[in-house]
Amino acid sequence: MGKWKGDLEYTIGKTPTPYINRQTATRVTFKGLDMQKGSTLKIVGTPDGMEPAPVDYLSSVPEGVVD
């Protein structure tokens, strides 16, 4: 469905940190996903250095809707 490499410390200057808070939050959008009732979504995170690869929340809305 989609891939994302958590490397924003290099692209927008976010400093790597072991702390999870609003200062380290990032929003990633994948468009054009075809999810139906009963679909399974698998999220795999791989920690890198001091970054723990957390997922705070997932939002699924129809295209054009802002959460």
PDB file of N, CA and C in Angstrom:
ATOM      1  N   MET A   1       0.822  -1.200   0.000  1.00  0.00           N
ATOM      2  CA  MET A   1       0.000   0.000   0.000  1.00  0.00           C
ATOM      3  C   MET A   1       0.857   1.251   0.000  1.00  0.00           C
ATOM      4  N   GLY A   2       1.827   1.296   0.882  1.00  0.00           N
ATOM      5  CA  GLY A   2       2.674   2.467   0.938  1.00  0.00           C
ATOM      6  C   GLY A   2       3.872   2.227   1.820  1.00  0.00           C
ATOM      7  N   LYS A   3       4.916   2.988   1.584  1.00  0.00           N
ATOM      8  CA  LYS A   3       6.119   2.919   2.403  1.00  0.00           C
ATOM      9  C   LYS A   3       6.513   4.329   2.801  1.00  0.00           C
ATOM     10  N   TRP A   4       7.127   4.441   3.952  1.00  0.00           N
ATOM     11  CA  TRP A   4       7.616   5.730   4.413  1.00  0.00           C
ATOM     12  C   TRP A   4       8.885   5.500   5.210  1.00  0.00           C
ATOM     13  N   LYS A   5       9.909   6.235   4.875  1.00  0.00           N
ATOM     14  CA  LYS A   5      11.161   6.163   5.614  1.00  0.00           C
ATOM     15  C   LYS A   5      11.201   7.355   6.556  1.00  0.00           C
ATOM     16  N   GLY A   6      11.280   7.082   7.846  1.00  0.00           N
ATOM     17  CA  GLY A   6      11.279   8.151   8.846  1.00  0.00           C
ATOM     18  C   GLY A   6      12.615   8.863   8.915  1.00  0.00           C
ATOM     19  N   ASP A   7      12.873   9.712   7.933  1.00  0.00           N
ATOM     20  CA  ASP A   7      14.161  10.408   7.881  1.00  0.00           C
ATOM     21  C   ASP A   7      14.002  11.932   7.875  1.00  0.00           C
ATOM     22  N   LEU A   8      12.963  12.421   8.554  1.00  0.00           N
ATOM     23  CA  LEU A   8      12.701  13.860   8.517  1.00  0.00           C
ATOM     24  C   LEU A   8      13.784  14.692   9.196  1.00  0.00           C
ATOM     25  N   GLU A   9      14.611  14.047  10.018  1.00  0.00           N
ATOM     26  CA  GLU A   9      15.711  14.812  10.601  1.00  0.00           C
ATOM     27  C   GLU A   9      16.665  15.302   9.517  1.00  0.00           C
ATOM     28  N   TYR A  10      16.648  14.649   8.356  1.00  0.00           N
ATOM     29  CA  TYR A  10      17.509  15.058   7.251  1.00  0.00           C
ATOM     30  C   TYR A  10      16.789  15.942   6.245  1.00  0.00           C
ATOM     31  N   THR A  11      15.461  15.803   6.147  1.00  0.00           N
ATOM     32  CA  THR A  11      14.732  16.555   5.130  1.00  0.00           C
ATOM     33  C   THR A  11      14.117  17.856   5.639  1.00  0.00           C
ATOM     34  N   ILE A  12      13.664  17.889   6.897  1.00  0.00           N
ATOM     35  CA  ILE A  12      13.099  19.147   7.411  1.00  0.00           C
ATOM     36  C   ILE A  12      13.733  19.574   8.727  1.00  0.00           C
ATOM     37  N   GLY A  13      14.809  18.921   9.110  1.00  0.00           N
ATOM     38  CA  GLY A  13      15.564  19.375  10.274  1.00  0.00           C
ATOM     39  C   GLY A  13      15.032  18.961  11.623  1.00  0.00           C
ATOM     40  N   LYS A  14      14.207  17.912  11.701  1.00  0.00           N
ATOM     41  CA  LYS A  14      13.757  17.432  13.015  1.00  0.00           C
ATOM     42  C   LYS A  14      14.896  16.656  13.664  1.00  0.00           C
ATOM     43  N   THR A  15      15.201  16.978  14.897  1.00  0.00           N
ATOM     44  CA  THR A  15      16.288  16.325  15.607  1.00  0.00           C
ATOM     45  C   THR A  15      15.840  14.964  16.130  1.00  0.00           C
ATOM     46  N   PRO A  16      16.641  13.906  15.897  1.00  0.00           N
ATOM     47  CA  PRO A  16      16.281  12.594  16.447  1.00  0.00           C
ATOM     48  C   PRO A  16      16.225  12.648  17.975  1.00  0.00           C
ATOM     49  N   THR A  17      15.266  11.948  18.564  1.00  0.00           N
ATOM     50  CA  THR A  17      15.104  11.948  20.007  1.00  0.00           C
ATOM     51  C   THR A  17      14.431  10.657  20.455  1.00  0.00           C
ATOM     52  N   PRO A  18      14.746  10.157  21.642  1.00  0.00           N
ATOM     53  CA  PRO A  18      14.067   8.973  22.150  1.00  0.00           C
ATOM     54  C   PRO A  18      12.698   9.300  22.764  1.00  0.00           C
ATOM     55  N   TYR A  19      12.373  10.591  22.874  1.00  0.00           N
ATOM     56  CA  TYR A  19      11.127  11.012  23.504  1.00  0.00           C
ATOM     57  C   TYR A  19      10.014  11.128  22.475  1.00  0.00           C
ATOM     58  N   ILE A  20       8.829  10.655  22.836  1.00  0.00           N
ATOM     59  CA  ILE A  20       7.678  10.706  21.940  1.00  0.00           C
ATOM     60  C   ILE A  20       6.714  11.751  22.475  1.00  0.00           C
ATOM     61  N   ASN A  21       6.535  12.837  21.710  1.00  0.00           N
ATOM     62  CA  ASN A  21       5.637  13.908  22.134  1.00  0.00           C
ATOM     63  C   ASN A  21       5.184  14.702  20.916  1.00  0.00           C
ATOM     64  N   ARG A  22       4.437  15.776  21.132  1.00  0.00           N
ATOM     65  CA  ARG A  22       3.949  16.585  20.005  1.00  0.00           C
ATOM     66  C   ARG A  22       5.073  17.210  19.205  1.00  0.00           C
ATOM     67  N   GLN A  23       6.210  17.414  19.811  1.00  0.00           N
ATOM     68  CA  GLN A  23       7.332  18.029  19.095  1.00  0.00           C
ATOM     69  C   GLN A  23       7.936  17.086  18.066  1.00  0.00           C
ATOM     70  N   THR A  24       7.735  15.786  18.243  1.00  0.00           N
ATOM     71  CA  THR A  24       8.314  14.813  17.327  1.00  0.00           C
ATOM     72  C   THR A  24       7.275  14.202  16.388  1.00  0.00           C
ATOM     73  N   ALA A  25       6.032  14.655  16.469  1.00  0.00           N
ATOM     74  CA  ALA A  25       4.953  14.083  15.651  1.00  0.00           C
ATOM     75  C   ALA A  25       5.152  14.398  14.175  1.00  0.00           C
ATOM     76  N   THR A  26       4.760  13.464  13.351  1.00  0.00           N
ATOM     77  CA  THR A  26       4.836  13.610  11.902  1.00  0.00           C
ATOM     78  C   THR A  26       3.572  13.032  11.294  1.00  0.00           C
ATOM     79  N   ARG A  27       3.046  13.684  10.273  1.00  0.00           N
ATOM     80  CA  ARG A  27       1.873  13.167   9.563  1.00  0.00           C
ATOM     81  C   ARG A  27       2.319  12.702   8.181  1.00  0.00           C
ATOM     82  N   VAL A  28       1.936  11.480   7.847  1.00  0.00           N
ATOM     83  CA  VAL A  28       2.245  10.909   6.540  1.00  0.00           C
ATOM     84  C   VAL A  28       0.928  10.505   5.900  1.00  0.00           C
ATOM     85  N   THR A  29       0.729  10.862   4.632  1.00  0.00           N
ATOM     86  CA  THR A  29      -0.518  10.573   3.939  1.00  0.00           C
ATOM     87  C   THR A  29      -0.256   9.653   2.752  1.00  0.00           C
ATOM     88  N   PHE A  30      -1.031   8.582   2.674  1.00  0.00           N
ATOM     89  CA  PHE A  30      -1.000   7.692   1.525  1.00  0.00           C
ATOM     90  C   PHE A  30      -2.340   7.840   0.828  1.00  0.00           C
ATOM     91  N   LYS A  31      -2.320   8.234  -0.429  1.00  0.00           N
ATOM     92  CA  LYS A  31      -3.557   8.463  -1.181  1.00  0.00           C
ATOM     93  C   LYS A  31      -3.866   7.269  -2.080  1.00  0.00           C
ATOM     94  N   GLY A  32      -5.136   7.142  -2.413  1.00  0.00           N
ATOM     95  CA  GLY A  32      -5.561   6.133  -3.370  1.00  0.00           C
ATOM     96  C   GLY A  32      -5.590   4.715  -2.834  1.00  0.00           C
ATOM     97  N   LEU A  33      -5.697   4.540  -1.518  1.00  0.00           N
ATOM     98  CA  LEU A  33      -5.765   3.205  -0.945  1.00  0.00           C
ATOM     99  C   LEU A  33      -7.185   2.673  -1.069  1.00  0.00           C
ATOM    100  N   ASP A  34      -7.318   1.431  -1.448  1.00  0.00           N
ATOM    101  CA  ASP A  34      -8.638   0.822  -1.570  1.00  0.00           C
ATOM    102  C   ASP A  34      -8.864  -0.084  -0.375  1.00  0.00           C
ATOM    103  N   MET A  35      -9.440   0.473   0.680  1.00  0.00           N
ATOM    104  CA  MET A  35      -9.723  -0.294   1.894  1.00  0.00           C
ATOM    105  C   MET A  35     -11.220  -0.557   1.966  1.00  0.00           C
ATOM    106  N   GLN A  36     -11.562  -1.794   2.186  1.00  0.00           N
ATOM    107  CA  GLN A  36     -12.952  -2.206   2.303  1.00  0.00           C
ATOM    108  C   GLN A  36     -13.188  -2.751   3.706  1.00  0.00           C
ATOM    109  N   LYS A  37     -14.447  -2.881   4.092  1.00  0.00           N
ATOM    110  CA  LYS A  37     -14.776  -3.471   5.380  1.00  0.00           C
ATOM    111  C   LYS A  37     -14.140  -4.863   5.449  1.00  0.00           C
ATOM    112  N   GLY A  38     -13.431  -5.125   6.543  1.00  0.00           N
ATOM    113  CA  GLY A  38     -12.754  -6.405   6.720  1.00  0.00           C
ATOM    114  C   GLY A  38     -11.315  -6.415   6.235  1.00  0.00           C
ATOM    115  N   SER A  39     -10.860  -5.308   5.612  1.00  0.00           N
ATOM    116  CA  SER A  39      -9.464  -5.235   5.156  1.00  0.00           C
ATOM    117  C   SER A  39      -8.523  -5.307   6.348  1.00  0.00           C
ATOM    118  N   THR A  40      -7.348  -5.834   6.124  1.00  0.00           N
ATOM    119  CA  THR A  40      -6.312  -5.899   7.152  1.00  0.00           C
ATOM    120  C   THR A  40      -5.197  -4.929   6.790  1.00  0.00           C
ATOM    121  N   LEU A  41      -4.791  -4.134   7.744  1.00  0.00           N
ATOM    122  CA  LEU A  41      -3.696  -3.188   7.558  1.00  0.00           C
ATOM    123  C   LEU A  41      -2.561  -3.597   8.487  1.00  0.00           C
ATOM    124  N   LYS A  42      -1.389  -3.816   7.931  1.00  0.00           N
ATOM    125  CA  LYS A  42      -0.234  -4.215   8.726  1.00  0.00           C
ATOM    126  C   LYS A  42       0.768  -3.058   8.732  1.00  0.00           C
ATOM    127  N   ILE A  43       1.157  -2.639   9.929  1.00  0.00           N
ATOM    128  CA  ILE A  43       2.142  -1.570  10.080  1.00  0.00           C
ATOM    129  C   ILE A  43       3.392  -2.179  10.691  1.00  0.00           C
ATOM    130  N   VAL A  44       4.521  -1.984  10.039  1.00  0.00           N
ATOM    131  CA  VAL A  44       5.796  -2.511  10.516  1.00  0.00           C
ATOM    132  C   VAL A  44       6.736  -1.333  10.723  1.00  0.00           C
ATOM    133  N   GLY A  45       7.251  -1.201  11.932  1.00  0.00           N
ATOM    134  CA  GLY A  45       8.216  -0.144  12.231  1.00  0.00           C
ATOM    135  C   GLY A  45       9.533  -0.769  12.653  1.00  0.00           C
ATOM    136  N   THR A  46      10.621  -0.198  12.182  1.00  0.00           N
ATOM    137  CA  THR A  46      11.944  -0.691  12.549  1.00  0.00           C
ATOM    138  C   THR A  46      12.709   0.435  13.226  1.00  0.00           C
ATOM    139  N   PRO A  47      13.007   0.300  14.518  1.00  0.00           N
ATOM    140  CA  PRO A  47      13.768   1.331  15.217  1.00  0.00           C
ATOM    141  C   PRO A  47      15.138   1.541  14.556  1.00  0.00           C
ATOM    142  N   ASP A  48      15.613   2.774  14.620  1.00  0.00           N
ATOM    143  CA  ASP A  48      16.909   3.108  14.025  1.00  0.00           C
ATOM    144  C   ASP A  48      17.634   4.043  14.979  1.00  0.00           C
ATOM    145  N   GLY A  49      18.700   3.559  15.596  1.00  0.00           N
ATOM    146  CA  GLY A  49      19.419   4.381  16.559  1.00  0.00           C
ATOM    147  C   GLY A  49      18.540   4.663  17.757  1.00  0.00           C
ATOM    148  N   MET A  50      18.402   5.948  18.112  1.00  0.00           N
ATOM    149  CA  MET A  50      17.574   6.285  19.268  1.00  0.00           C
ATOM    150  C   MET A  50      16.106   6.470  18.915  1.00  0.00           C
ATOM    151  N   GLU A  51      15.750   6.382  17.638  1.00  0.00           N
ATOM    152  CA  GLU A  51      14.356   6.512  17.222  1.00  0.00           C
ATOM    153  C   GLU A  51      13.627   5.192  17.438  1.00  0.00           C
ATOM    154  N   PRO A  52      12.553   5.156  18.261  1.00  0.00           N
ATOM    155  CA  PRO A  52      11.878   3.899  18.576  1.00  0.00           C
ATOM    156  C   PRO A  52      10.824   3.433  17.564  1.00  0.00           C
ATOM    157  N   ALA A  53      10.545   4.180  16.521  1.00  0.00           N
ATOM    158  CA  ALA A  53       9.568   3.827  15.475  1.00  0.00           C
ATOM    159  C   ALA A  53       8.149   3.636  16.009  1.00  0.00           C
ATOM    160  N   PRO A  54       7.626   4.600  16.785  1.00  0.00           N
ATOM    161  CA  PRO A  54       6.267   4.459  17.320  1.00  0.00           C
ATOM    162  C   PRO A  54       5.193   4.870  16.305  1.00  0.00           C
ATOM    163  N   VAL A  55       3.983   4.418  16.530  1.00  0.00           N
ATOM    164  CA  VAL A  55       2.811   4.889  15.786  1.00  0.00           C
ATOM    165  C   VAL A  55       1.827   5.379  16.840  1.00  0.00           C
ATOM    166  N   ASP A  56       1.507   6.669  16.825  1.00  0.00           N
ATOM    167  CA  ASP A  56       0.582   7.228  17.803  1.00  0.00           C
ATOM    168  C   ASP A  56      -0.868   6.923  17.445  1.00  0.00           C
ATOM    169  N   TYR A  57      -1.217   7.151  16.195  1.00  0.00           N
ATOM    170  CA  TYR A  57      -2.581   6.869  15.778  1.00  0.00           C
ATOM    171  C   TYR A  57      -2.633   6.718  14.267  1.00  0.00           C
ATOM    172  N   LEU A  58      -3.724   6.143  13.803  1.00  0.00           N
ATOM    173  CA  LEU A  58      -3.966   5.943  12.387  1.00  0.00           C
ATOM    174  C   LEU A  58      -5.349   6.492  12.092  1.00  0.00           C
ATOM    175  N   SER A  59      -5.462   7.247  11.033  1.00  0.00           N
ATOM    176  CA  SER A  59      -6.755   7.811  10.652  1.00  0.00           C
ATOM    177  C   SER A  59      -7.030   7.397   9.208  1.00  0.00           C
ATOM    178  N   SER A  60      -8.216   6.898   8.963  1.00  0.00           N
ATOM    179  CA  SER A  60      -8.614   6.492   7.611  1.00  0.00           C
ATOM    180  C   SER A  60      -9.884   7.256   7.251  1.00  0.00           C
ATOM    181  N   VAL A  61      -9.759   8.136   6.287  1.00  0.00           N
ATOM    182  CA  VAL A  61     -10.901   8.955   5.866  1.00  0.00           C
ATOM    183  C   VAL A  61     -10.995   8.947   4.343  1.00  0.00           C
ATOM    184  N   PRO A  62     -12.175   9.183   3.789  1.00  0.00           N
ATOM    185  CA  PRO A  62     -12.307   9.263   2.326  1.00  0.00           C
ATOM    186  C   PRO A  62     -11.450  10.394   1.767  1.00  0.00           C
ATOM    187  N   GLU A  63     -10.956  10.210   0.555  1.00  0.00           N
ATOM    188  CA  GLU A  63     -10.148  11.245  -0.083  1.00  0.00           C
ATOM    189  C   GLU A  63     -10.933  12.559  -0.144  1.00  0.00           C
ATOM    190  N   GLY A  64     -10.257  13.659   0.169  1.00  0.00           N
ATOM    191  CA  GLY A  64     -10.879  14.963   0.194  1.00  0.00           C
ATOM    192  C   GLY A  64     -11.342  15.390   1.568  1.00  0.00           C
ATOM    193  N   VAL A  65     -11.376  14.459   2.520  1.00  0.00           N
ATOM    194  CA  VAL A  65     -11.775  14.754   3.899  1.00  0.00           C
ATOM    195  C   VAL A  65     -10.509  14.974   4.728  1.00  0.00           C
ATOM    196  N   VAL A  66     -10.518  16.017   5.535  1.00  0.00           N
ATOM    197  CA  VAL A  66      -9.372  16.313   6.399  1.00  0.00           C
ATOM    198  C   VAL A  66      -9.723  15.941   7.822  1.00  0.00           C
ATOM    199  N   ASP A  67      -8.823  15.194   8.484  1.00  0.00           N
ATOM    200  CA  ASP A  67      -9.101  14.828   9.880  1.00  0.00           C
ATOM    201  C   ASP A  67      -8.473  15.813  10.830  1.00  0.00           C
TER     202      ASP A  67
END
